Amino acid sequence: MKTFRYTASDVVFQAVDIFLLTCFTAVCIYPIIYVTSMSISDSVQIALKPAYFLPRGFSLNAMALLLGKPEIWRYYGNTILYTVAGTSLNLFLTVLLAYPMAVRSFGGRKIVTALVVFTMLFSGGMIPSYILVNKLHMYNTRLALIIPGAVSAFNTIIARTFFSSLPTSLSESAKIDGATDIRILFQVILPVSKAILATLLIYYAVGHWNSYFSALLYLPDSTKHPLQMFLVKVLVNNDPTLLAGQEVGIDRVFLGDQLKYCCIVVSSLPILCVYPFFQKHFTKGAMMGSLKG
């Protein structure tokens, strides 16, 4: 058996590659470490010197103060509702649109594909979208955060490319057995498409979880705001309501900035916990959906 020997250029390439990947990983991980350390440090100590890596002292006062606010749980509930309902609708409609575009026997697939691609290049803009939502009586309703973005053209193209890469023998054998197109889709195609479904789920769920601009435009009622609107109030507008009821003193001054880090941790933790479970399927689906045609 012939053994492979590394040349000097191979060793140099791998060393440079490992160094660059290590630097890239550090750039991605360090903000998470920094924010987490600042959120659980003692507020007085981090006011004197920030916690760059390890927490300075340990205190959950800021976290307890944040989680003790009823508003945070209302925002959380709204975000979970928008994410679950919106992602479910997104997956259903995207699959229904992408699969016919991948079926070669469908005569209008080129026209449909062209129309979908057209929406990626041109859009009506913010003002026409606002007028449309208002005319459809969705303004200041929860539907305004779910219906307008029900289908993503980019994700539809990824799903269509993935479906096109599947063997045609799957659907042909099912048709011979008398299966309809709907049955083929849901009982034959989707069971072998877990990778692309996981990819679409991550794309849509993260988009809904991080969305705040639509709520800023269409939801004047604060009781319907998602969690990200709460972050905008705290991080951008410096809303002092989080410290309401806190006794005036040195702790109140130091807790103000620390609460911002706690808000970031609380809002990011669910996505960070869910993503590892879909990572394998996500990587496979993203590669097959973008490279095969």
Protein backbone atom coordinates (compact mmCIF):
# COMPACT_ATOMS: atom_id res chain seq x y z
CA MET A 1 0.00 0.00 0.00
CA LYS A 2 1.42 3.33 -1.06
CA THR A 3 1.76 5.87 1.72
CA PHE A 4 1.16 9.56 1.23
CA ARG A 5 3.97 11.89 2.28
CA TYR A 6 3.46 15.52 3.10
CA THR A 7 5.71 17.96 1.29
CA ALA A 8 7.03 21.15 2.83
CA SER A 9 4.43 23.19 0.95
CA ASP A 10 1.64 20.95 2.33
CA VAL A 11 2.84 21.49 5.88
CA VAL A 12 3.04 25.26 5.39
CA PHE A 13 -0.43 25.35 3.83
CA GLN A 14 -1.97 23.37 6.69
CA ALA A 15 -0.22 25.53 9.30
CA VAL A 16 -1.51 28.72 7.69
CA ASP A 17 -4.97 27.19 7.28
CA ILE A 18 -5.14 26.15 10.96
CA PHE A 19 -3.90 29.58 12.04
CA LEU A 20 -6.50 31.44 9.97
CA LEU A 21 -9.34 29.14 11.11
CA THR A 22 -8.24 29.56 14.73
CA CYS A 23 -8.30 33.35 14.37
CA PHE A 24 -11.71 33.23 12.71
CA THR A 25 -13.07 30.99 15.47
CA ALA A 26 -11.70 33.30 18.14
CA VAL A 27 -13.33 36.32 16.48
CA CYS A 28 -16.69 34.50 16.50
CA ILE A 29 -16.47 33.08 20.03
CA TYR A 30 -14.94 36.01 21.92
CA PRO A 31 -18.05 38.27 21.81
CA ILE A 32 -20.09 35.44 23.32
CA ILE A 33 -17.53 34.93 26.09
CA TYR A 34 -17.29 38.66 26.76
CA VAL A 35 -21.05 39.26 26.97
CA THR A 36 -21.61 36.17 29.13
CA SER A 37 -18.81 37.13 31.53
CA MET A 38 -20.12 40.68 31.86
CA SER A 39 -23.66 39.46 32.54
CA ILE A 40 -22.73 37.24 35.51
CA SER A 41 -19.95 39.36 37.03
CA ASP A 42 -20.29 41.46 40.15
CA SER A 43 -21.67 44.83 39.05
CA VAL A 44 -19.32 46.86 41.25
CA GLN A 45 -16.21 45.05 40.05
CA ILE A 46 -17.00 45.33 36.35
CA ALA A 47 -17.64 49.04 36.83
CA LEU A 48 -14.02 49.34 37.96
CA LYS A 49 -12.61 47.01 35.31
CA PRO A 50 -14.47 45.10 32.58
CA ALA A 51 -14.39 41.30 32.47
CA TYR A 52 -12.65 40.53 29.21
CA PHE A 53 -12.57 36.73 29.54
CA LEU A 54 -13.42 35.34 32.97
CA PRO A 55 -16.14 36.91 35.14
CA ARG A 56 -14.96 39.39 37.77
CA GLY A 57 -16.62 38.03 40.85
CA PHE A 58 -19.98 36.36 40.49
CA SER A 59 -23.44 37.81 40.83
CA LEU A 60 -26.84 37.00 39.35
CA ASN A 61 -28.50 40.16 40.66
CA ALA A 62 -28.80 41.71 37.22
CA MET A 63 -30.12 38.48 35.70
CA ALA A 64 -32.62 38.04 38.53
CA LEU A 65 -33.77 41.65 38.12
CA LEU A 66 -34.26 41.14 34.38
CA LEU A 67 -36.13 37.83 34.68
CA GLY A 68 -38.25 39.24 37.46
CA LYS A 69 -39.85 41.72 35.09
CA PRO A 70 -43.23 40.50 33.74
CA GLU A 71 -42.59 42.35 30.46
CA ILE A 72 -39.69 40.11 29.51
CA TRP A 73 -41.87 37.01 29.65
CA ARG A 74 -44.59 38.66 27.57
CA TYR A 75 -42.00 39.57 24.93
CA TYR A 76 -40.64 36.04 25.09
CA GLY A 77 -44.11 34.55 24.57
CA ASN A 78 -44.75 36.83 21.60
CA THR A 79 -41.44 35.90 19.98
CA ILE A 80 -42.04 32.17 20.46
CA LEU A 81 -45.50 32.55 18.92
CA TYR A 82 -44.18 34.48 15.91
CA THR A 83 -41.28 32.06 15.44
CA VAL A 84 -43.30 28.85 15.68
CA ALA A 85 -46.29 30.04 13.65
CA GLY A 86 -44.22 31.93 11.10
CA THR A 87 -41.68 29.15 10.57
CA SER A 88 -44.40 26.51 10.20
CA LEU A 89 -46.16 28.60 7.54
CA ASN A 90 -42.83 29.37 5.85
CA LEU A 91 -41.87 25.70 5.57
CA PHE A 92 -45.29 24.65 4.29
CA LEU A 93 -45.55 27.31 1.58
CA THR A 94 -41.90 27.12 0.54
CA VAL A 95 -42.13 23.36 -0.02
CA LEU A 96 -45.39 23.73 -1.96
CA LEU A 97 -43.78 26.35 -4.20
CA ALA A 98 -40.32 24.80 -4.60
CA TYR A 99 -41.35 21.23 -5.43
CA PRO A 100 -43.36 22.02 -8.62
CA MET A 101 -40.43 24.16 -9.78
CA ALA A 102 -38.23 21.05 -9.55
CA VAL A 103 -40.61 18.72 -11.43
CA ARG A 104 -39.51 18.55 -15.07
CA SER A 105 -42.96 17.53 -16.29
CA PHE A 106 -44.50 20.74 -14.95
CA GLY A 107 -44.91 22.95 -17.99
CA GLY A 108 -44.95 26.30 -16.23
CA ARG A 109 -41.96 25.76 -13.98
CA LYS A 110 -39.68 28.08 -15.97
CA ILE A 111 -42.21 30.91 -15.76
CA VAL A 112 -42.73 30.38 -12.03
CA THR A 113 -38.97 30.25 -11.48
CA ALA A 114 -38.51 33.50 -13.41
CA LEU A 115 -41.21 35.21 -11.32
CA VAL A 116 -39.61 34.03 -8.08
CA VAL A 117 -36.17 35.24 -9.18
CA PHE A 118 -37.70 38.56 -10.25
CA THR A 119 -38.83 39.21 -6.66
CA MET A 120 -35.22 38.75 -5.52
CA LEU A 121 -34.10 41.57 -7.80
CA PHE A 122 -37.01 44.01 -7.40
CA SER A 123 -39.38 44.77 -4.55
CA GLY A 124 -42.17 47.23 -3.93
CA GLY A 125 -40.34 48.96 -1.10
CA MET A 126 -41.22 49.88 2.44
CA ILE A 127 -44.03 52.38 1.77
CA PRO A 128 -46.03 50.15 -0.65
CA SER A 129 -45.60 47.26 1.79
CA TYR A 130 -46.92 49.40 4.63
CA ILE A 131 -49.93 50.47 2.53
CA LEU A 132 -50.62 46.87 1.55
CA VAL A 133 -50.53 45.65 5.16
CA ASN A 134 -52.84 48.48 6.15
CA LYS A 135 -55.30 47.78 3.31
CA LEU A 136 -55.41 44.10 4.25
CA HIS A 137 -56.39 45.10 7.80
CA MET A 138 -53.31 43.46 9.29
CA TYR A 139 -51.93 46.65 10.82
CA ASN A 140 -51.50 46.31 14.58
CA THR A 141 -52.28 42.60 14.41
CA ARG A 142 -49.99 39.63 14.94
CA LEU A 143 -50.57 38.55 11.33
CA ALA A 144 -48.47 41.51 10.18
CA LEU A 145 -45.36 39.70 11.42
CA ILE A 146 -46.30 36.35 9.87
CA ILE A 147 -48.14 36.78 6.55
CA PRO A 148 -46.06 39.39 4.61
CA GLY A 149 -42.88 37.29 4.77
CA ALA A 150 -44.56 33.91 4.38
CA VAL A 151 -42.27 32.84 1.51
CA SER A 152 -38.62 33.70 0.89
CA ALA A 153 -37.50 33.65 -2.73
CA PHE A 154 -33.92 32.81 -1.72
CA ASN A 155 -34.97 29.83 0.40
CA THR A 156 -37.35 28.69 -2.33
CA ILE A 157 -34.49 28.54 -4.83
CA ILE A 158 -32.39 26.52 -2.36
CA ALA A 159 -35.24 24.07 -1.79
CA ARG A 160 -35.95 23.82 -5.51
CA THR A 161 -32.29 23.02 -6.21
CA PHE A 162 -32.31 20.31 -3.55
CA PHE A 163 -35.50 18.71 -4.90
CA SER A 164 -34.01 18.76 -8.41
CA SER A 165 -31.03 16.75 -7.16
CA LEU A 166 -33.22 13.88 -5.94
CA PRO A 167 -33.49 10.80 -8.21
CA THR A 168 -36.51 10.97 -10.49
CA SER A 169 -37.02 7.25 -9.92
CA LEU A 170 -38.53 8.04 -6.51
CA SER A 171 -41.49 9.92 -7.94
CA GLU A 172 -41.77 7.75 -11.04
CA SER A 173 -42.09 4.53 -9.04
CA ALA A 174 -44.68 6.17 -6.79
CA LYS A 175 -46.70 7.28 -9.84
CA ILE A 176 -46.65 3.74 -11.18
CA ASP A 177 -48.21 2.66 -7.88
CA GLY A 178 -50.96 5.23 -8.40
CA ALA A 179 -49.80 7.93 -5.97
CA THR A 180 -50.92 11.50 -6.60
CA ASP A 181 -48.50 14.44 -6.69
CA ILE A 182 -49.49 15.57 -3.19
CA ARG A 183 -48.95 12.08 -1.81
CA ILE A 184 -45.61 11.80 -3.58
CA LEU A 185 -44.49 15.08 -2.05
CA PHE A 186 -45.50 14.35 1.53
CA GLN A 187 -44.89 10.58 1.68
CA VAL A 188 -41.95 10.09 -0.69
CA ILE A 189 -40.01 13.33 -1.19
CA LEU A 190 -40.18 14.99 2.23
CA PRO A 191 -39.06 11.91 4.24
CA VAL A 192 -35.75 11.93 2.30
CA SER A 193 -35.45 15.74 2.46
CA LYS A 194 -34.73 16.18 6.17
CA ALA A 195 -31.50 18.01 5.38
CA ILE A 196 -33.12 20.80 3.38
CA LEU A 197 -36.05 21.02 5.80
CA ALA A 198 -33.61 21.52 8.68
CA THR A 199 -31.79 24.18 6.66
CA LEU A 200 -35.00 26.05 5.89
CA LEU A 201 -36.13 25.72 9.51
CA ILE A 202 -32.92 27.32 10.80
CA TYR A 203 -33.05 30.14 8.22
CA TYR A 204 -36.68 30.98 8.90
CA ALA A 205 -36.58 30.50 12.68
CA VAL A 206 -33.51 32.69 13.14
CA GLY A 207 -35.05 35.32 10.87
CA HIS A 208 -38.27 35.42 12.91
CA TRP A 209 -36.41 35.35 16.24
CA ASN A 210 -34.17 38.29 15.30
CA SER A 211 -36.81 40.34 13.49
CA TYR A 212 -37.82 43.68 14.95
CA PHE A 213 -38.22 46.10 12.03
CA SER A 214 -41.60 44.71 10.98
CA ALA A 215 -42.86 45.13 14.55
CA LEU A 216 -41.51 48.67 14.55
CA LEU A 217 -43.56 49.44 11.44
CA TYR A 218 -46.77 47.49 11.98
CA LEU A 219 -47.25 47.02 15.73
CA PRO A 220 -47.84 50.20 17.74
CA ASP A 221 -49.32 48.07 20.54
CA SER A 222 -46.40 47.24 22.84
CA THR A 223 -48.18 44.19 24.28
CA LYS A 224 -47.68 42.47 20.90
CA HIS A 225 -44.00 43.35 20.51
CA PRO A 226 -41.42 40.56 20.09
CA LEU A 227 -38.33 40.18 22.25
CA GLN A 228 -36.09 42.05 19.80
CA MET A 229 -38.19 45.20 20.23
CA PHE A 230 -37.42 44.94 23.92
CA LEU A 231 -33.71 44.80 23.08
CA VAL A 232 -34.02 47.89 20.92
CA LYS A 233 -35.58 49.77 23.83
CA VAL A 234 -32.85 48.69 26.23
CA LEU A 235 -29.73 48.76 24.02
CA VAL A 236 -30.52 51.61 21.64
CA ASN A 237 -33.02 53.82 23.42
CA ASN A 238 -31.61 53.22 26.94
CA ASP A 239 -35.08 52.61 28.34
CA PRO A 240 -34.83 53.08 32.14
CA THR A 241 -37.94 51.03 32.96
CA LEU A 242 -35.85 47.98 33.81
CA LEU A 243 -34.53 49.78 36.87
CA ALA A 244 -37.96 50.93 37.98
CA GLY A 245 -38.45 50.12 41.64
CA GLN A 246 -34.71 49.66 42.23
CA GLU A 247 -33.39 51.63 45.17
CA VAL A 248 -31.23 54.61 44.30
CA GLY A 249 -27.61 53.86 45.07
CA ILE A 250 -24.33 52.65 43.68
CA ASP A 251 -25.81 49.27 42.67
CA ARG A 252 -28.47 50.97 40.54
CA VAL A 253 -25.81 52.89 38.62
CA PHE A 254 -23.72 49.81 37.94
CA LEU A 255 -26.65 47.52 37.16
CA GLY A 256 -27.80 49.71 34.27
CA ASP A 257 -25.05 48.66 31.86
CA GLN A 258 -24.92 45.09 33.11
CA LEU A 259 -28.61 44.61 32.35
CA LYS A 260 -27.85 45.22 28.68
CA TYR A 261 -25.50 42.25 28.62
CA CYS A 262 -28.10 40.13 30.40
CA CYS A 263 -30.66 41.05 27.76
CA ILE A 264 -28.30 39.89 25.01
CA VAL A 265 -27.68 36.57 26.77
CA VAL A 266 -31.36 35.94 27.42
CA SER A 267 -32.33 36.68 23.82
CA SER A 268 -29.51 34.68 22.23
CA LEU A 269 -29.48 31.59 24.44
CA PRO A 270 -32.46 29.73 22.86
CA ILE A 271 -31.02 29.91 19.34
CA LEU A 272 -27.58 28.86 20.58
CA CYS A 273 -29.14 25.85 22.30
CA VAL A 274 -31.28 24.77 19.33
CA TYR A 275 -28.73 25.15 16.54
CA PRO A 276 -26.42 22.20 17.50
CA PHE A 277 -29.30 19.75 17.09
CA PHE A 278 -29.74 20.82 13.44
CA GLN A 279 -26.09 21.45 12.56
CA LYS A 280 -25.49 18.15 10.72
CA HIS A 281 -28.61 18.44 8.57
CA PHE A 282 -28.11 22.18 8.14
CA THR A 283 -24.61 21.80 6.66
CA LYS A 284 -25.67 18.98 4.34
CA GLY A 285 -28.81 20.77 3.16
CA ALA A 286 -27.07 24.08 2.57
CA MET A 287 -24.32 22.44 0.48
CA MET A 288 -26.66 20.28 -1.63
CA GLY A 289 -29.16 23.08 -2.07
CA SER A 290 -26.55 25.50 -3.34
CA LEU A 291 -24.24 23.31 -5.43
CA LYS A 292 -26.43 20.76 -7.19
CA GLY A 293 -28.79 21.82 -9.93
